[in-house]
């Protein structure tokens, strides 16, 4: 599945599960190097999601952003890389 297909299906799944979702996959929407593709909010939990379809690899700026962000994540702020629809299913259940 391509990254765009995965993102479209994953966003639909999150929204159907009650998440407020914004998509930032278009680089023009963010000026932060390495910024994530999708952000989702529900019940005090924020998900920062990088979407990688078949054959996609993280860019150096994405690796740097993740490394800088990870020490600041926890129960209420989570960073995830979604490589399949099963990742979105797991993320949709966060916070229950």
C-alpha atoms as a PDB file:
ATOM      1  CA  UNK A   1       0.000   0.000   0.000  1.00  0.00           C
ATOM      2  CA  UNK A   2       1.357   3.452  -0.838  1.00  0.00           C
ATOM      3  CA  UNK A   3       1.884   6.030   1.877  1.00  0.00           C
ATOM      4  CA  UNK A   4      -1.019   8.123   0.549  1.00  0.00           C
ATOM      5  CA  UNK A   5      -3.395   5.140   0.562  1.00  0.00           C
ATOM      6  CA  UNK A   6      -2.303   4.149   4.054  1.00  0.00           C
ATOM      7  CA  UNK A   7      -2.673   7.687   5.313  1.00  0.00           C
ATOM      8  CA  UNK A   8      -6.162   8.089   3.801  1.00  0.00           C
ATOM      9  CA  UNK A   9      -7.406   4.804   5.315  1.00  0.00           C
ATOM     10  CA  UNK A  10      -5.674   5.408   8.642  1.00  0.00           C
ATOM     11  CA  UNK A  11      -7.093   8.924   8.992  1.00  0.00           C
ATOM     12  CA  UNK A  12     -10.591   7.603   8.216  1.00  0.00           C
ATOM     13  CA  UNK A  13     -10.156   4.903  10.869  1.00  0.00           C
ATOM     14  CA  UNK A  14      -8.989   7.396  13.501  1.00  0.00           C
ATOM     15  CA  UNK A  15     -11.866   9.775  12.731  1.00  0.00           C
ATOM     16  CA  UNK A  16     -14.379   6.919  12.940  1.00  0.00           C
ATOM     17  CA  UNK A  17     -12.914   6.152  16.383  1.00  0.00           C
ATOM     18  CA  UNK A  18     -13.571   9.693  17.617  1.00  0.00           C
ATOM     19  CA  UNK A  19     -10.177  11.293  17.029  1.00  0.00           C
ATOM     20  CA  UNK A  20      -9.864  14.880  15.803  1.00  0.00           C
ATOM     21  CA  UNK A  21      -7.327  14.526  12.978  1.00  0.00           C
ATOM     22  CA  UNK A  22      -5.233  16.984  10.953  1.00  0.00           C
ATOM     23  CA  UNK A  23      -3.019  15.984   8.038  1.00  0.00           C
ATOM     24  CA  UNK A  24       0.340  17.679   7.430  1.00  0.00           C
ATOM     25  CA  UNK A  25       1.705  15.426   4.686  1.00  0.00           C
ATOM     26  CA  UNK A  26       1.954  18.412   2.336  1.00  0.00           C
ATOM     27  CA  UNK A  27       5.337  19.967   3.213  1.00  0.00           C
ATOM     28  CA  UNK A  28       3.930  23.439   2.543  1.00  0.00           C
ATOM     29  CA  UNK A  29       1.721  23.129   5.653  1.00  0.00           C
ATOM     30  CA  UNK A  30       4.683  23.011   8.026  1.00  0.00           C
ATOM     31  CA  UNK A  31       8.042  24.714   8.067  1.00  0.00           C
ATOM     32  CA  UNK A  32       9.474  22.410  10.694  1.00  0.00           C
ATOM     33  CA  UNK A  33      11.982  20.013   9.082  1.00  0.00           C
ATOM     34  CA  UNK A  34      10.930  16.412   9.688  1.00  0.00           C
ATOM     35  CA  UNK A  35       7.440  17.320  10.919  1.00  0.00           C
ATOM     36  CA  UNK A  36       4.963  14.441  11.087  1.00  0.00           C
ATOM     37  CA  UNK A  37       2.273  13.560   8.549  1.00  0.00           C
ATOM     38  CA  UNK A  38      -0.730  13.284  10.864  1.00  0.00           C
ATOM     39  CA  UNK A  39      -1.662  14.683  14.276  1.00  0.00           C
ATOM     40  CA  UNK A  40      -4.648  13.345  16.191  1.00  0.00           C
ATOM     41  CA  UNK A  41      -6.311  14.429  19.447  1.00  0.00           C
ATOM     42  CA  UNK A  42      -8.739  12.628  21.749  1.00  0.00           C
ATOM     43  CA  UNK A  43      -9.467  12.787  25.479  1.00  0.00           C
ATOM     44  CA  UNK A  44      -6.246  14.558  26.403  1.00  0.00           C
ATOM     45  CA  UNK A  45      -4.024  12.322  24.267  1.00  0.00           C
ATOM     46  CA  UNK A  46      -2.101  13.607  21.241  1.00  0.00           C
ATOM     47  CA  UNK A  47      -0.708  11.295  18.579  1.00  0.00           C
ATOM     48  CA  UNK A  48       2.073  12.445  16.266  1.00  0.00           C
ATOM     49  CA  UNK A  49       2.106   9.979  13.376  1.00  0.00           C
ATOM     50  CA  UNK A  50       4.645   9.522  10.614  1.00  0.00           C
ATOM     51  CA  UNK A  51       3.166   7.451   7.766  1.00  0.00           C
ATOM     52  CA  UNK A  52       5.421   5.185   5.728  1.00  0.00           C
ATOM     53  CA  UNK A  53       4.002   3.131   2.876  1.00  0.00           C
ATOM     54  CA  UNK A  54       5.608   0.212   1.110  1.00  0.00           C
ATOM     55  CA  UNK A  55       9.227   1.038   0.311  1.00  0.00           C
ATOM     56  CA  UNK A  56       9.205   4.420   2.095  1.00  0.00           C
ATOM     57  CA  UNK A  57      12.183   5.318   4.276  1.00  0.00           C
ATOM     58  CA  UNK A  58      12.522   8.135   6.819  1.00  0.00           C
ATOM     59  CA  UNK A  59      14.361  11.251   5.658  1.00  0.00           C
ATOM     60  CA  UNK A  60      17.304  12.468   7.777  1.00  0.00           C
ATOM     61  CA  UNK A  61      15.210  15.445   8.982  1.00  0.00           C
ATOM     62  CA  UNK A  62      12.503  13.030  10.175  1.00  0.00           C
ATOM     63  CA  UNK A  63      15.026  10.949  12.097  1.00  0.00           C
ATOM     64  CA  UNK A  64      16.444  14.096  13.716  1.00  0.00           C
ATOM     65  CA  UNK A  65      12.962  15.394  14.631  1.00  0.00           C
ATOM     66  CA  UNK A  66      11.976  12.058  16.174  1.00  0.00           C
ATOM     67  CA  UNK A  67      15.194  11.888  18.209  1.00  0.00           C
ATOM     68  CA  UNK A  68      14.636  15.403  19.544  1.00  0.00           C
ATOM     69  CA  UNK A  69      10.969  14.747  20.344  1.00  0.00           C
ATOM     70  CA  UNK A  70      11.105  11.311  21.965  1.00  0.00           C
ATOM     71  CA  UNK A  71      12.436  12.463  25.373  1.00  0.00           C
ATOM     72  CA  UNK A  72       9.335  14.661  25.672  1.00  0.00           C
ATOM     73  CA  UNK A  73       6.734  12.010  24.890  1.00  0.00           C
ATOM     74  CA  UNK A  74       4.757   9.947  27.356  1.00  0.00           C
ATOM     75  CA  UNK A  75       1.262   8.716  28.136  1.00  0.00           C
ATOM     76  CA  UNK A  76      -0.436  11.858  26.796  1.00  0.00           C
ATOM     77  CA  UNK A  77       1.904  12.664  23.887  1.00  0.00           C
ATOM     78  CA  UNK A  78       2.903   9.790  21.650  1.00  0.00           C
ATOM     79  CA  UNK A  79       5.018   9.545  18.528  1.00  0.00           C
ATOM     80  CA  UNK A  80       4.382   6.633  16.179  1.00  0.00           C
ATOM     81  CA  UNK A  81       5.431   5.442  12.767  1.00  0.00           C
ATOM     82  CA  UNK A  82       2.551   3.782  10.918  1.00  0.00           C
ATOM     83  CA  UNK A  83       3.691   1.302   8.286  1.00  0.00           C
ATOM     84  CA  UNK A  84       0.423  -0.608   7.970  1.00  0.00           C
ATOM     85  CA  UNK A  85      -3.267  -0.307   8.741  1.00  0.00           C
ATOM     86  CA  UNK A  86      -2.737  -2.466  11.842  1.00  0.00           C
ATOM     87  CA  UNK A  87      -0.654   0.386  13.303  1.00  0.00           C
ATOM     88  CA  UNK A  88      -3.600   2.756  12.897  1.00  0.00           C
ATOM     89  CA  UNK A  89      -5.934   0.190  14.486  1.00  0.00           C
ATOM     90  CA  UNK A  90      -3.609   0.004  17.506  1.00  0.00           C
ATOM     91  CA  UNK A  91      -3.334   3.799  17.697  1.00  0.00           C
ATOM     92  CA  UNK A  92      -7.113   4.259  17.461  1.00  0.00           C
ATOM     93  CA  UNK A  93      -7.433   2.289  20.723  1.00  0.00           C
ATOM     94  CA  UNK A  94      -5.040   4.545  22.670  1.00  0.00           C
ATOM     95  CA  UNK A  95      -6.704   6.366  25.530  1.00  0.00           C
ATOM     96  CA  UNK A  96      -9.534   3.934  26.252  1.00  0.00           C
END
